[in-house]
C-alpha cells in the first residue's frame, strides 16, 4: 500500500534489504563521501542512491545540500548501494523531488555522507566542514514543502511583476521558514560560491531575492517582521573582501539564537568563519564544560566575564546558583593577590610583570581598578568591583570564607538595576571558589581560583544594558576602554 504527497509515491512496507553500513574513511586525508541519486525507484518503490568515496581536493565536482534535519521520529527508507538506510522526512522529500527533477549530479549530504554513529568520523568530517562547503560548486538550500514559497520563488525567477497578495504571503513564508534558525546554515550559506533556494522543486538563486526591498522594509521599522528580516539580511550575498575574520566570540554573540540538536554545534558550526578561535578541535565525546574551557582558551586574549557569559550561554551550562549545578565544573580562572604587610596590597600583571600597589582602607577594601581582599583574624574577605573585570558590569561582589581553602561563603551582590538599589545576600556553600594562602616573611599571598559555573553566576548578575562585546572588537582585540585583564585563565 502507498500514500501520496502530491504526486510522489511514499511506500510504507518494511524493506527486505540489510541495513547500509558506511565503509571507513581515511582520516589522515581530507576524505569525504559523495552520493548520487539514481534514476528510477527500486522494485519496492524507494529512492536509490550510490555512494562514492573521494577527497575534497579531487577533480570531482559536487553540490552540498543545506537543510533542516527535523524530528528523528519521522522518516522513511531509501536504498544506499543496494541496502536500506533510514533518513528523516525532510531529507526524504528533497531526495524524492530531486529524483523527479532528474538532479543526478554528485551531492554532499551530511546525513548520508557521514557515519553519524561513529564519533571519530564525525569529529574528522565536522573539522573540515568549511573546506567541504568552500569546495562545492554550489549549495542547495532546501526550504521544504511549501507551495506558497514555491510560487513566490518562481514568480521572482520570471522577472515579472508579482501579485501583491502572493508577494506578501511569499515573503512571510520565506521569513518564517525554520531553515533560517538552524545553526549550521550560517557557514553553509556564507561559504558557498552560489546558493540556490529550493522549495517543492522550484529553485531561485539567493542573490536574486529582492534584497533592496527587504532592507527598505527593515529600515522602515516594521515591527511585525523586523526580527525575521534582520535574521535573513545577515545572509545577503556580498563580495568577499580581505577584512580580518571575526572572532569566535563575536560570531557566537551574533548568532546566539540559532537552533541545533546538540549545543556543541552552536560552536562547531562557526569554526570555519572565525579568525580567533578557529583552531578549536572538534570533539563530540568531550563534556560541554570542557568545550567551554577549550573555547575560552583559544580566545584567551579576549577573555573576560563577557566571553565566559557568551560561551556558557551558547552551551547552556548551568552556574553555581542552579538547583542542578554541573558535576563537572572545572576551575578555569585565577587571581593572585599579595599583602606586603606595610598597608598595601598588590597584584602583578603577568604580561608586563608590572607590580601595582594600592593602599588598604581597613576594615573593608572596595576601590577601583582591581579585585581586592582583606585578611582578618578569623576570615578572608574579597570584594570584586566587576567593572574592573569587564566594562559591561557595574556591581560589586563580596566573598568571605572562614578558612582558606574552604568554600563556606557569604556571597553578596551590591549594585543597582534601572536605578533601583539592590543588595541581595546569599549564604550557602559555594563549590566554585578555592582560596590558597601562603606567607613568607612579611608577605601574605592569596591565590583565588574560580570554576566556570561560578564565573557564569557572576557574569549573569545584574549588568548594564550595553553590548557584551564592548571590551574587545570584532576580531577579538581588546578595546581601549576594556578593563585590564587581571583575571587569568588557567
Protein backbone atom coordinates (compact mmCIF):
# COMPACT_ATOMS: atom_id res chain seq x y z
CA UNK A 1 0.00 0.00 0.00
CA UNK A 2 1.18 3.52 -0.65
CA UNK A 3 0.22 7.02 0.41
CA UNK A 4 0.88 10.10 -1.67
CA UNK A 5 2.36 13.55 -1.05
CA UNK A 6 1.45 15.49 -4.16
CA UNK A 7 2.33 13.11 -6.97
CA UNK A 8 5.12 11.34 -5.09
CA UNK A 9 4.67 7.72 -4.02
CA UNK A 10 5.60 7.03 -0.40
CA UNK A 11 5.92 3.35 0.41
CA UNK A 12 5.43 2.18 3.99
CA UNK A 13 6.28 -1.50 3.50
CA UNK A 14 9.27 -2.65 5.55
CA UNK A 15 12.20 -3.31 3.21
CA UNK A 16 13.85 -6.69 2.92
CA UNK A 17 17.41 -5.43 2.33
CA UNK A 18 20.02 -5.37 5.13
CA UNK A 19 20.97 -2.02 6.68
CA UNK A 20 23.67 0.03 4.96
CA UNK A 21 26.98 0.33 6.82
CA UNK A 22 29.46 3.05 5.92
CA UNK A 23 32.92 1.89 4.91
CA UNK A 24 35.71 3.52 6.91
CA UNK A 25 37.28 6.75 5.67
CA UNK A 26 40.99 7.58 5.79
CA UNK A 27 41.19 10.29 8.48
CA UNK A 28 44.76 11.16 7.52
CA UNK A 29 43.39 12.77 4.36
CA UNK A 30 40.63 15.26 3.50
CA UNK A 31 38.44 12.28 2.66
CA UNK A 32 34.69 12.56 2.13
CA UNK A 33 31.84 10.60 0.58
CA UNK A 34 29.55 11.82 -2.17
CA UNK A 35 26.17 10.43 -3.18
CA UNK A 36 24.23 10.48 -6.42
CA UNK A 37 20.52 9.82 -6.93
CA UNK A 38 19.97 7.01 -9.39
CA UNK A 39 17.18 7.23 -11.97
CA UNK A 40 14.00 5.34 -11.19
CA UNK A 41 12.77 3.74 -7.97
CA UNK A 42 13.78 0.39 -6.56
CA UNK A 43 11.49 -2.61 -7.00
CA UNK A 44 9.96 -1.73 -3.62
CA UNK A 45 9.33 1.85 -4.78
CA UNK A 46 12.18 3.53 -2.94
CA UNK A 47 14.67 6.24 -3.86
CA UNK A 48 18.05 4.77 -4.77
CA UNK A 49 21.48 6.37 -4.29
CA UNK A 50 25.05 5.34 -4.96
CA UNK A 51 27.98 6.32 -2.70
CA UNK A 52 31.46 7.30 -3.85
CA UNK A 53 34.44 7.92 -1.52
CA UNK A 54 36.79 10.69 -2.62
CA UNK A 55 38.73 13.68 -1.25
CA UNK A 56 37.87 17.37 -1.13
CA UNK A 57 40.75 18.31 -3.42
CA UNK A 58 39.92 15.72 -6.09
CA UNK A 59 38.73 16.75 -9.55
CA UNK A 60 35.14 15.70 -8.83
CA UNK A 61 32.54 18.48 -8.80
CA UNK A 62 29.72 18.29 -6.30
CA UNK A 63 26.89 20.27 -4.73
CA UNK A 64 26.23 20.49 -0.99
CA UNK A 65 22.75 20.22 0.50
CA UNK A 66 21.82 22.58 3.34
CA UNK A 67 18.58 21.68 5.13
CA UNK A 68 16.78 21.21 8.43
CA UNK A 69 17.07 17.69 9.81
CA UNK A 70 13.70 17.64 11.57
CA UNK A 71 12.40 15.16 14.17
CA UNK A 72 14.17 11.83 14.42
CA UNK A 73 10.84 10.02 14.82
CA UNK A 74 9.67 10.96 11.31
CA UNK A 75 11.44 9.22 8.47
CA UNK A 76 11.46 6.87 5.51
CA UNK A 77 13.64 4.19 3.99
CA UNK A 78 15.83 4.70 0.94
CA UNK A 79 18.33 2.41 -0.77
CA UNK A 80 22.07 3.14 -0.49
CA UNK A 81 24.33 0.87 -2.51
CA UNK A 82 21.59 -1.77 -2.65
CA UNK A 83 20.98 -1.69 1.10
CA UNK A 84 18.33 0.06 3.16
CA UNK A 85 19.04 3.27 5.01
CA UNK A 86 16.61 5.35 7.04
CA UNK A 87 16.50 9.12 6.55
CA UNK A 88 14.43 11.79 8.21
CA UNK A 89 11.32 13.07 6.49
CA UNK A 90 12.62 16.45 5.27
CA UNK A 91 15.62 14.84 3.56
CA UNK A 92 13.42 12.12 2.10
CA UNK A 93 11.18 14.74 0.49
CA UNK A 94 14.21 16.50 -1.01
CA UNK A 95 15.50 13.23 -2.48
CA UNK A 96 12.07 12.48 -3.89
CA UNK A 97 11.72 15.87 -5.55
CA UNK A 98 15.33 15.79 -6.78
CA UNK A 99 14.53 12.46 -8.43
CA UNK A 100 11.55 13.96 -10.27
CA UNK A 101 13.74 16.89 -11.40
CA UNK A 102 16.43 14.44 -12.55
CA UNK A 103 19.04 16.07 -10.35
CA UNK A 104 21.62 13.39 -10.89
CA UNK A 105 24.97 15.08 -10.16
CA UNK A 106 27.10 14.28 -7.14
CA UNK A 107 25.86 15.61 -3.80
CA UNK A 108 27.33 16.00 -0.35
CA UNK A 109 24.60 15.41 2.25
CA UNK A 110 25.71 15.13 5.87
CA UNK A 111 23.13 12.52 6.94
CA UNK A 112 24.22 10.21 4.10
CA UNK A 113 27.91 11.06 3.72
CA UNK A 114 28.91 10.98 7.40
CA UNK A 115 28.62 7.90 9.59
CA UNK A 116 26.66 9.59 12.36
CA UNK A 117 27.20 6.62 14.69
CA UNK A 118 31.00 6.99 14.55
CA UNK A 119 32.21 9.80 16.84
CA UNK A 120 35.74 9.83 15.41
CA UNK A 121 34.40 10.20 11.90
CA UNK A 122 32.01 12.96 12.95
CA UNK A 123 34.93 14.83 14.52
CA UNK A 124 37.00 14.43 11.34
CA UNK A 125 34.22 15.49 8.98
CA UNK A 126 32.97 18.44 11.05
CA UNK A 127 36.53 19.75 11.47
CA UNK A 128 36.78 20.05 7.68
CA UNK A 129 33.19 21.19 7.08
CA UNK A 130 34.30 24.62 5.94
CA UNK A 131 36.54 23.08 3.28
CA UNK A 132 33.69 20.87 2.11
CA UNK A 133 31.35 23.79 1.51
CA UNK A 134 34.06 26.03 0.07
CA UNK A 135 34.95 23.28 -2.41
CA UNK A 136 31.38 22.73 -3.58
CA UNK A 137 30.23 24.01 -6.95
CA UNK A 138 27.03 25.29 -5.30
CA UNK A 139 24.84 24.85 -2.23
CA UNK A 140 21.16 23.93 -2.37
CA UNK A 141 19.15 25.43 0.48
CA UNK A 142 16.14 23.11 0.80
CA UNK A 143 13.20 25.03 2.29
CA UNK A 144 10.79 22.10 2.33
CA UNK A 145 7.30 21.50 1.01
CA UNK A 146 5.80 24.98 0.92
CA UNK A 147 3.72 25.64 -2.18
CA UNK A 148 3.31 29.36 -1.37
CA UNK A 149 7.08 29.72 -1.14
CA UNK A 150 7.45 27.70 -4.34
CA UNK A 151 5.11 30.10 -6.17
CA UNK A 152 6.92 33.12 -4.70
CA UNK A 153 10.37 31.92 -5.78
CA UNK A 154 9.02 31.01 -9.22
CA UNK A 155 7.46 34.47 -9.65
CA UNK A 156 10.74 36.21 -8.72
CA UNK A 157 12.61 33.97 -11.14
CA UNK A 158 10.36 35.05 -14.02
CA UNK A 159 11.34 38.71 -13.52
CA UNK A 160 7.75 39.88 -13.89
CA UNK A 161 5.55 41.97 -11.57
CA UNK A 162 4.39 39.82 -8.66
CA UNK A 163 0.83 39.76 -7.44
CA UNK A 164 0.77 41.84 -4.20
CA UNK A 165 -1.00 39.11 -2.25
CA UNK A 166 1.48 36.47 -3.40
CA UNK A 167 4.36 38.85 -2.61
CA UNK A 168 3.06 39.35 0.93
CA UNK A 169 2.34 35.68 1.62
CA UNK A 170 5.53 34.54 -0.10
CA UNK A 171 7.72 36.88 1.92
CA UNK A 172 6.04 35.74 5.13
CA UNK A 173 6.68 32.12 4.16
CA UNK A 174 10.33 32.87 3.40
CA UNK A 175 10.99 34.85 6.57
CA UNK A 176 9.13 32.40 8.78
CA UNK A 177 10.84 29.31 7.41
CA UNK A 178 12.60 27.43 10.22
CA UNK A 179 15.59 26.91 7.92
CA UNK A 180 16.98 30.32 8.90
CA UNK A 181 17.03 29.35 12.60
CA UNK A 182 19.42 26.44 12.08
CA UNK A 183 22.97 26.86 13.45
CA UNK A 184 24.79 25.07 10.65
CA UNK A 185 23.33 27.16 7.80
CA UNK A 186 25.48 30.10 8.91
CA UNK A 187 28.67 28.70 7.42
CA UNK A 188 26.88 26.63 4.77
CA UNK A 189 25.40 29.77 3.19
CA UNK A 190 28.22 32.22 3.89
CA UNK A 191 30.95 29.97 2.48
CA UNK A 192 29.02 28.92 -0.62
CA UNK A 193 30.12 30.03 -4.08
CA UNK A 194 26.48 30.15 -5.06
CA UNK A 195 23.29 29.32 -3.16
CA UNK A 196 20.11 28.02 -4.76
CA UNK A 197 16.93 28.24 -2.70
CA UNK A 198 14.62 25.31 -3.40
CA UNK A 199 11.04 24.63 -2.30
CA UNK A 200 8.85 21.88 -3.78
CA UNK A 201 11.33 21.54 -6.60
CA UNK A 202 11.25 25.24 -7.60
CA UNK A 203 14.61 27.00 -7.44
CA UNK A 204 15.94 30.56 -7.18
CA UNK A 205 19.47 31.86 -6.65
CA UNK A 206 19.86 33.51 -3.26
CA UNK A 207 21.37 36.62 -4.82
CA UNK A 208 18.20 37.12 -6.92
CA UNK A 209 15.98 37.76 -3.90
CA UNK A 210 14.72 41.38 -3.70
CA UNK A 211 17.33 42.39 -1.14
CA UNK A 212 16.86 46.14 -1.62
CA UNK A 213 13.17 45.84 -0.85
CA UNK A 214 13.89 43.79 2.26
CA UNK A 215 16.40 46.37 3.50
CA UNK A 216 13.96 49.23 2.98
CA UNK A 217 11.33 47.35 4.95
CA UNK A 218 13.81 46.70 7.75
CA UNK A 219 14.90 50.36 7.91
CA UNK A 220 11.26 51.46 7.97
CA UNK A 221 10.88 49.64 11.27
CA UNK A 222 8.17 47.07 10.53
CA UNK A 223 7.83 45.53 13.98
CA UNK A 224 5.91 42.52 12.67
CA UNK A 225 8.80 41.29 10.53
CA UNK A 226 11.79 43.27 11.85
CA UNK A 227 13.47 40.41 13.71
CA UNK A 228 12.91 37.95 10.87
CA UNK A 229 14.16 40.44 8.26
CA UNK A 230 17.30 41.08 10.29
CA UNK A 231 17.90 37.34 10.51
CA UNK A 232 17.57 36.95 6.74
CA UNK A 233 19.62 40.04 5.85
CA UNK A 234 22.67 38.51 7.55
CA UNK A 235 22.82 36.09 4.61
CA UNK A 236 22.73 38.66 1.82
CA UNK A 237 25.48 37.64 -0.67
CA UNK A 238 28.44 40.03 -0.57
CA UNK A 239 31.74 40.33 -2.34
CA UNK A 240 34.44 38.56 -0.39
CA UNK A 241 36.97 41.09 0.84
CA UNK A 242 40.24 40.91 2.71
CA UNK A 243 38.81 42.05 6.05
CA UNK A 244 40.03 40.21 9.12
CA UNK A 245 37.78 37.36 10.14
CA UNK A 246 35.66 37.99 13.25
CA UNK A 247 36.44 36.16 16.45
CA UNK A 248 34.52 33.07 17.51
CA UNK A 249 33.16 35.01 20.50
CA UNK A 250 31.78 37.74 18.23
CA UNK A 251 30.04 35.19 15.99
CA UNK A 252 28.65 33.32 18.99
CA UNK A 253 27.03 36.54 20.15
CA UNK A 254 25.64 37.49 16.72
CA UNK A 255 24.20 34.01 16.10
CA UNK A 256 23.32 33.25 19.72
CA UNK A 257 19.68 32.39 18.97
CA UNK A 258 20.33 29.68 16.37
CA UNK A 259 18.87 26.22 16.91
CA UNK A 260 20.68 22.89 16.98
CA UNK A 261 20.11 19.42 18.42
CA UNK A 262 23.47 19.45 20.22
CA UNK A 263 24.71 22.64 21.96
CA UNK A 264 28.21 21.79 20.73
CA UNK A 265 27.12 22.55 17.18
CA UNK A 266 26.42 26.16 18.09
CA UNK A 267 30.22 26.50 18.41
CA UNK A 268 31.46 23.93 15.89
CA UNK A 269 29.27 25.41 13.14
CA UNK A 270 31.18 28.71 13.29
CA UNK A 271 34.79 27.49 13.27
CA UNK A 272 35.25 27.92 9.52
CA UNK A 273 34.08 31.54 9.67
CA UNK A 274 36.21 32.90 12.50
CA UNK A 275 39.78 34.06 12.98
CA UNK A 276 40.45 33.98 16.72
CA UNK A 277 39.12 30.62 17.93
CA UNK A 278 39.30 28.74 14.61
CA UNK A 279 41.89 26.29 15.94
CA UNK A 280 39.42 24.76 18.40
CA UNK A 281 39.46 20.99 17.99
CA UNK A 282 36.09 19.35 17.27
CA UNK A 283 35.33 16.61 19.77
CA UNK A 284 31.79 15.33 20.26
CA UNK A 285 32.90 12.98 23.03
CA UNK A 286 34.02 15.65 25.49
CA UNK A 287 31.80 17.39 28.04
CA UNK A 288 30.14 20.75 27.47
CA UNK A 289 32.20 22.23 30.30
CA UNK A 290 35.44 21.09 28.69
CA UNK A 291 34.36 22.52 25.34
CA UNK A 292 33.62 25.83 27.08
CA UNK A 293 37.07 25.86 28.70
CA UNK A 294 38.77 24.93 25.41
CA UNK A 295 36.83 27.68 23.61
CA UNK A 296 37.89 30.27 26.18
CA UNK A 297 41.50 29.14 25.89
CA UNK A 298 41.51 29.50 22.09
CA UNK A 299 40.13 33.03 22.62
CA UNK A 300 42.41 33.75 25.57
CA UNK A 301 43.37 37.28 24.55
CA UNK A 302 39.69 38.31 24.67
CA UNK A 303 38.93 36.59 27.98
CA UNK A 304 36.66 38.44 30.41
CA UNK A 305 33.27 37.97 32.06
CA UNK A 306 31.61 38.67 28.71
CA UNK A 307 33.38 35.81 27.00
CA UNK A 308 32.51 33.42 29.82
CA UNK A 309 28.88 34.51 29.57
CA UNK A 310 28.70 34.15 25.77
CA UNK A 311 30.28 30.68 25.76
CA UNK A 312 28.34 29.47 28.79
CA UNK A 313 25.02 30.60 27.35
CA UNK A 314 25.81 29.12 23.92
CA UNK A 315 26.37 25.70 25.52
CA UNK A 316 23.58 26.01 28.09
CA UNK A 317 25.93 25.44 31.04
CA UNK A 318 24.34 25.98 34.48
CA UNK A 319 26.01 28.25 37.01
CA UNK A 320 26.51 27.58 40.72
CA UNK A 321 23.14 29.13 41.58
CA UNK A 322 21.32 26.45 39.58
CA UNK A 323 19.29 23.86 41.52
CA UNK A 324 21.18 21.26 39.47
CA UNK A 325 24.71 22.61 39.01
CA UNK A 326 27.10 20.71 36.80
CA UNK A 327 29.03 17.88 38.46
CA UNK A 328 31.94 18.53 36.09
CA UNK A 329 32.76 22.15 36.88
CA UNK A 330 36.49 22.72 36.33
CA UNK A 331 38.47 25.59 37.80
CA UNK A 332 39.16 27.83 34.82
CA UNK A 333 40.50 31.17 36.06
CA UNK A 334 42.56 32.60 38.88
CA UNK A 335 43.67 35.83 40.52
CA UNK A 336 46.83 36.15 42.58
CA UNK A 337 46.97 38.88 45.27
CA UNK A 338 49.65 39.63 47.81
CA UNK A 339 49.73 41.68 51.02
CA UNK A 340 53.17 43.02 51.87
CA UNK A 341 52.29 43.82 55.48
CA UNK A 342 53.01 47.53 55.00
CA UNK A 343 49.48 48.71 54.38
CA UNK A 344 49.38 47.87 50.65
CA UNK A 345 48.00 45.08 48.52
CA UNK A 346 49.39 44.44 45.07
CA UNK A 347 48.75 42.30 42.05
CA UNK A 348 51.17 41.53 39.21
CA UNK A 349 50.32 41.90 35.56
CA UNK A 350 51.70 38.64 34.11
CA UNK A 351 52.10 40.10 30.62
CA UNK A 352 54.21 43.13 31.59
CA UNK A 353 55.43 41.87 35.00
CA UNK A 354 54.50 45.30 36.36
CA UNK A 355 53.61 45.49 40.04
CA UNK A 356 50.58 47.57 41.06
CA UNK A 357 50.30 48.84 44.67
CA UNK A 358 47.11 50.01 46.36
CA UNK A 359 46.53 51.32 49.90
CA UNK A 360 44.34 49.23 52.18
CA UNK A 361 41.37 51.18 53.64
CA UNK A 362 40.59 48.80 56.53
CA UNK A 363 38.30 47.28 57.63
CA UNK A 364 36.99 46.77 54.10
CA UNK A 365 38.53 47.24 50.68
CA UNK A 366 36.42 48.42 47.77
CA UNK A 367 38.15 50.79 45.37
CA UNK A 368 38.53 50.89 41.62
CA UNK A 369 40.85 49.15 39.20
CA UNK A 370 41.24 45.74 40.78
CA UNK A 371 39.88 42.83 42.79
CA UNK A 372 40.81 43.27 46.48
CA UNK A 373 40.95 41.16 49.61
CA UNK A 374 41.37 41.87 53.30
CA UNK A 375 42.83 39.50 55.84
CA UNK A 376 41.14 39.30 59.20
CA UNK A 377 41.94 37.16 62.20
CA UNK A 378 39.09 34.72 61.55
CA UNK A 379 38.34 35.13 57.86
CA UNK A 380 39.42 36.40 54.48
CA UNK A 381 37.14 38.82 52.66
CA UNK A 382 37.31 39.66 48.97
CA UNK A 383 35.49 42.48 47.24
CA UNK A 384 35.09 42.34 43.47
CA UNK A 385 34.46 45.50 41.52
CA UNK A 386 33.08 43.83 38.40
CA UNK A 387 33.60 46.87 36.23
CA UNK A 388 37.33 46.38 36.67
CA UNK A 389 36.99 42.93 35.13
CA UNK A 390 34.58 43.86 32.34
CA UNK A 391 33.13 47.25 31.39
CA UNK A 392 29.70 45.72 30.80
CA UNK A 393 29.28 45.18 34.55
CA UNK A 394 28.93 47.62 37.40
CA UNK A 395 28.09 45.80 40.65
CA UNK A 396 30.36 44.52 43.43
CA UNK A 397 30.65 41.00 44.76
CA UNK A 398 31.87 40.24 48.30
CA UNK A 399 33.20 36.79 49.22
CA UNK A 400 34.01 35.84 52.79
CA UNK A 401 35.44 32.50 53.87
CA UNK A 402 36.16 31.38 57.42
CA UNK A 403 39.26 29.40 56.46
CA UNK A 404 41.45 29.45 53.37
CA UNK A 405 40.72 26.50 51.11
CA UNK A 406 37.18 26.15 52.45
CA UNK A 407 34.07 27.00 50.43
CA UNK A 408 31.60 28.27 53.04
CA UNK A 409 30.95 31.74 51.72
CA UNK A 410 28.77 34.70 52.35
CA UNK A 411 28.11 35.75 48.76
CA UNK A 412 26.75 39.25 48.20
CA UNK A 413 25.88 41.36 45.15
CA UNK A 414 25.93 45.13 45.61
CA UNK A 415 24.63 47.26 42.77
CA UNK A 416 21.55 48.65 41.11
CA UNK A 417 19.20 47.74 38.29
CA UNK A 418 17.49 50.52 36.35
CA UNK A 419 18.48 52.97 39.06
CA UNK A 420 16.99 50.87 41.87
CA UNK A 421 19.35 49.84 44.65
CA UNK A 422 19.87 46.13 45.05
CA UNK A 423 21.51 44.33 47.95
CA UNK A 424 20.97 40.59 47.85
CA UNK A 425 22.90 38.34 50.21
CA UNK A 426 23.05 34.62 49.51
CA UNK A 427 24.57 32.46 52.21
CA UNK A 428 25.28 28.98 51.03
CA UNK A 429 28.08 26.58 50.21
CA UNK A 430 29.78 27.69 47.00
CA UNK A 431 31.76 24.90 45.40
CA UNK A 432 33.19 27.00 42.60
CA UNK A 433 35.79 29.01 44.54
CA UNK A 434 39.10 27.92 46.04
CA UNK A 435 41.46 30.12 48.05
CA UNK A 436 45.05 29.10 48.78
CA UNK A 437 47.14 31.27 51.11
CA UNK A 438 50.84 31.33 51.88
CA UNK A 439 53.13 33.63 53.80
CA UNK A 440 56.85 34.33 53.76
CA UNK A 441 58.47 36.98 55.92
CA UNK A 442 56.12 39.96 55.74
CA UNK A 443 54.37 38.89 52.53
CA UNK A 444 50.91 37.30 52.57
CA UNK A 445 49.74 35.85 49.26
CA UNK A 446 46.29 34.63 48.23
CA UNK A 447 45.50 32.72 45.05
CA UNK A 448 41.80 32.68 44.25
CA UNK A 449 40.60 30.14 41.68
CA UNK A 450 37.15 30.16 40.13
CA UNK A 451 35.16 27.46 38.42
CA UNK A 452 33.33 28.06 35.19
CA UNK A 453 29.99 27.75 36.98
CA UNK A 454 30.91 30.43 39.50
CA UNK A 455 32.18 32.80 36.79
CA UNK A 456 28.88 32.30 35.00
CA UNK A 457 26.93 33.15 38.14
CA UNK A 458 28.84 36.41 38.43
CA UNK A 459 28.55 37.04 34.68
CA UNK A 460 24.78 36.53 34.84
CA UNK A 461 24.45 39.04 37.67
CA UNK A 462 22.71 42.40 37.06
CA UNK A 463 24.64 44.31 34.45
CA UNK A 464 24.48 47.41 32.33
CA UNK A 465 22.43 47.30 29.17
CA UNK A 466 25.36 47.53 26.78
CA UNK A 467 26.75 45.25 24.12
CA UNK A 468 28.59 42.36 25.85
CA UNK A 469 31.33 42.80 23.27
CA UNK A 470 32.20 46.37 24.30
CA UNK A 471 35.51 45.38 25.86
CA UNK A 472 37.03 43.99 22.64
CA UNK A 473 36.47 44.50 18.94
CA UNK A 474 35.02 42.26 16.26
CA UNK A 475 38.29 40.39 15.71
CA UNK A 476 38.88 39.84 19.44
CA UNK A 477 41.39 42.63 20.09
CA UNK A 478 40.81 44.31 23.44
CA UNK A 479 39.42 47.81 23.03
CA UNK A 480 40.95 50.88 24.68
CA UNK A 481 38.09 51.19 27.13
CA UNK A 482 38.28 47.49 28.02
CA UNK A 483 39.33 46.53 31.53
CA UNK A 484 42.86 45.37 32.30
CA UNK A 485 42.76 41.54 32.17
CA UNK A 486 43.67 40.82 35.78
CA UNK A 487 41.60 37.64 35.84
CA UNK A 488 43.66 34.92 34.15
CA UNK A 489 42.67 31.67 32.52
CA UNK A 490 44.39 28.63 33.99
